[in-house]
């Protein structure tokens, strides 16, 4: 029932005029910028972070 209502609303409002402008109505797409496993890793999980900090002199090795 909801799918039919949504399709009816799209058909009804597509190319309709609203405040003197023609509007375009379509289905929403799923977002493409979903996080990946790479983007969920903390920056310090990579050895590159430590090497850069050591090179800059901002980190010190202990133990």
N, C-alpha and C. Protein backbone atom coordinates (compact mmCIF):
# COMPACT_ATOMS: atom_id res chain seq x y z
N UNK A 1 0.82 -1.19 0.00
CA UNK A 1 0.00 0.00 0.00
C UNK A 1 0.87 1.26 0.00
N UNK A 2 1.92 1.30 0.83
CA UNK A 2 2.78 2.49 0.89
C UNK A 2 3.51 2.72 -0.42
N UNK A 3 3.91 1.62 -1.08
CA UNK A 3 4.61 1.73 -2.36
C UNK A 3 3.68 2.35 -3.39
N UNK A 4 2.44 1.91 -3.40
CA UNK A 4 1.46 2.46 -4.34
C UNK A 4 1.20 3.93 -4.07
N UNK A 5 1.13 4.28 -2.78
CA UNK A 5 0.92 5.69 -2.42
C UNK A 5 2.11 6.55 -2.85
N UNK A 6 3.31 6.03 -2.67
CA UNK A 6 4.51 6.78 -3.06
C UNK A 6 4.55 6.97 -4.57
N UNK A 7 4.25 5.91 -5.32
CA UNK A 7 4.24 6.02 -6.78
C UNK A 7 3.17 6.99 -7.25
N UNK A 8 2.01 6.97 -6.60
CA UNK A 8 0.94 7.89 -6.95
C UNK A 8 1.34 9.34 -6.67
N UNK A 9 2.02 9.56 -5.55
CA UNK A 9 2.47 10.91 -5.22
C UNK A 9 3.51 11.40 -6.23
N UNK A 10 4.42 10.51 -6.64
CA UNK A 10 5.42 10.90 -7.63
C UNK A 10 4.74 11.25 -8.94
N UNK A 11 3.82 10.38 -9.39
CA UNK A 11 3.12 10.64 -10.64
C UNK A 11 2.31 11.93 -10.57
N UNK A 12 1.73 12.20 -9.42
CA UNK A 12 0.89 13.39 -9.26
C UNK A 12 1.71 14.68 -9.23
N UNK A 13 2.87 14.65 -8.59
CA UNK A 13 3.65 15.88 -8.40
C UNK A 13 4.71 16.13 -9.46
N UNK A 14 5.13 15.09 -10.19
CA UNK A 14 6.17 15.26 -11.21
C UNK A 14 5.66 16.20 -12.31
N UNK A 15 6.46 17.17 -12.64
CA UNK A 15 6.15 18.19 -13.65
C UNK A 15 5.00 19.10 -13.24
N UNK A 16 4.67 19.15 -11.96
CA UNK A 16 3.65 20.06 -11.47
C UNK A 16 4.26 21.44 -11.29
N UNK A 17 3.43 22.45 -11.26
CA UNK A 17 3.91 23.82 -11.08
C UNK A 17 3.69 24.23 -9.62
N UNK A 18 4.72 24.80 -9.04
CA UNK A 18 4.67 25.24 -7.66
C UNK A 18 5.31 26.61 -7.58
N UNK A 19 4.55 27.61 -7.21
CA UNK A 19 5.01 29.00 -7.14
C UNK A 19 5.65 29.44 -8.45
N UNK A 20 5.03 29.05 -9.55
CA UNK A 20 5.52 29.48 -10.85
C UNK A 20 6.69 28.69 -11.40
N UNK A 21 7.08 27.63 -10.72
CA UNK A 21 8.20 26.80 -11.19
C UNK A 21 7.72 25.36 -11.38
N UNK A 22 8.27 24.69 -12.37
CA UNK A 22 7.95 23.29 -12.61
C UNK A 22 8.90 22.44 -11.77
N UNK A 23 8.32 21.53 -10.99
CA UNK A 23 9.15 20.70 -10.12
C UNK A 23 9.33 19.31 -10.72
N UNK A 24 10.42 18.67 -10.38
CA UNK A 24 10.75 17.34 -10.84
C UNK A 24 10.79 16.42 -9.62
N UNK A 25 10.10 15.32 -9.66
CA UNK A 25 10.01 14.41 -8.53
C UNK A 25 10.46 13.02 -8.98
N UNK A 26 11.42 12.42 -8.27
CA UNK A 26 11.85 11.04 -8.54
C UNK A 26 12.12 10.33 -7.22
N UNK A 27 12.40 9.05 -7.35
CA UNK A 27 12.74 8.26 -6.18
C UNK A 27 14.13 8.65 -5.67
N UNK A 28 14.30 8.60 -4.37
CA UNK A 28 15.61 8.90 -3.78
C UNK A 28 16.54 7.72 -3.99
N UNK A 29 17.82 8.01 -4.20
CA UNK A 29 18.82 6.96 -4.35
C UNK A 29 19.53 6.76 -3.02
N UNK A 30 20.05 5.57 -2.84
CA UNK A 30 20.82 5.28 -1.63
C UNK A 30 22.12 6.07 -1.68
N UNK A 31 22.62 6.56 -0.53
CA UNK A 31 23.87 7.32 -0.55
C UNK A 31 25.04 6.44 -0.99
N UNK A 32 25.94 7.02 -1.77
CA UNK A 32 27.09 6.29 -2.28
C UNK A 32 28.30 6.41 -1.37
N UNK A 33 28.27 7.34 -0.45
CA UNK A 33 29.44 7.59 0.39
C UNK A 33 29.36 6.82 1.72
N UNK A 34 29.04 5.54 1.61
CA UNK A 34 28.99 4.73 2.81
C UNK A 34 30.41 4.46 3.31
N UNK A 35 30.61 4.45 4.60
CA UNK A 35 31.96 4.24 5.13
C UNK A 35 32.47 2.83 4.81
N UNK A 36 33.73 2.74 4.54
CA UNK A 36 34.36 1.45 4.27
C UNK A 36 35.19 1.04 5.48
N UNK A 37 35.73 -0.14 5.44
CA UNK A 37 36.57 -0.59 6.55
C UNK A 37 37.83 0.25 6.64
N UNK A 38 38.32 0.75 5.50
CA UNK A 38 39.50 1.62 5.50
C UNK A 38 39.21 2.92 6.23
N UNK A 39 38.05 3.51 6.02
CA UNK A 39 37.75 4.80 6.64
C UNK A 39 37.38 4.66 8.11
N UNK A 40 37.09 3.46 8.56
CA UNK A 40 36.73 3.25 9.97
C UNK A 40 37.94 2.98 10.85
N UNK A 41 39.11 2.81 10.24
CA UNK A 41 40.32 2.55 11.03
C UNK A 41 40.84 3.85 11.62
N UNK A 42 41.29 3.82 12.86
CA UNK A 42 41.90 5.03 13.42
C UNK A 42 43.24 5.30 12.74
N UNK A 43 43.65 6.54 12.74
CA UNK A 43 44.86 6.95 12.04
C UNK A 43 46.10 6.27 12.63
N UNK A 44 46.10 6.01 13.91
CA UNK A 44 47.28 5.43 14.55
C UNK A 44 47.35 3.91 14.33
N UNK A 45 46.38 3.32 13.65
CA UNK A 45 46.43 1.88 13.37
C UNK A 45 47.46 1.57 12.28
N UNK A 46 47.92 2.58 11.60
CA UNK A 46 48.90 2.38 10.54
C UNK A 46 50.27 2.81 11.04
N UNK A 47 51.31 2.09 10.66
CA UNK A 47 52.68 2.40 11.04
C UNK A 47 53.13 3.74 10.46
N UNK A 48 52.52 4.15 9.35
CA UNK A 48 52.88 5.42 8.71
C UNK A 48 52.72 6.59 9.67
N UNK A 49 51.67 6.58 10.48
CA UNK A 49 51.41 7.65 11.44
C UNK A 49 52.59 7.79 12.40
N UNK A 50 53.06 6.67 12.95
CA UNK A 50 54.17 6.72 13.91
C UNK A 50 55.46 7.17 13.25
N UNK A 51 55.73 6.65 12.04
CA UNK A 51 56.96 7.05 11.36
C UNK A 51 56.98 8.54 11.07
N UNK A 52 55.84 9.10 10.69
CA UNK A 52 55.76 10.54 10.41
C UNK A 52 55.98 11.34 11.69
N UNK A 53 55.36 10.92 12.78
CA UNK A 53 55.53 11.62 14.06
C UNK A 53 56.97 11.56 14.54
N UNK A 54 57.61 10.41 14.39
CA UNK A 54 59.01 10.29 14.79
C UNK A 54 59.91 11.18 13.93
N UNK A 55 59.62 11.24 12.65
CA UNK A 55 60.41 12.07 11.74
C UNK A 55 60.27 13.55 12.09
N UNK A 56 59.05 13.96 12.45
CA UNK A 56 58.78 15.36 12.81
C UNK A 56 59.31 15.69 14.20
N UNK A 57 59.65 14.68 14.99
CA UNK A 57 60.15 14.92 16.33
C UNK A 57 59.06 15.11 17.37
N UNK A 58 57.83 14.77 17.02
CA UNK A 58 56.70 14.97 17.95
C UNK A 58 56.38 13.73 18.76
N UNK A 59 57.04 12.61 18.49
CA UNK A 59 56.78 11.38 19.24
C UNK A 59 58.10 10.74 19.64
N UNK A 60 58.08 10.03 20.71
CA UNK A 60 59.29 9.38 21.21
C UNK A 60 58.99 7.93 21.50
N UNK A 61 59.94 7.10 21.20
CA UNK A 61 59.81 5.68 21.54
C UNK A 61 60.14 5.49 23.00
N UNK A 62 59.40 4.64 23.63
CA UNK A 62 59.68 4.34 25.03
C UNK A 62 59.91 2.85 25.21
N UNK A 63 60.43 2.47 26.32
CA UNK A 63 60.65 1.08 26.73
C UNK A 63 61.85 0.52 26.09
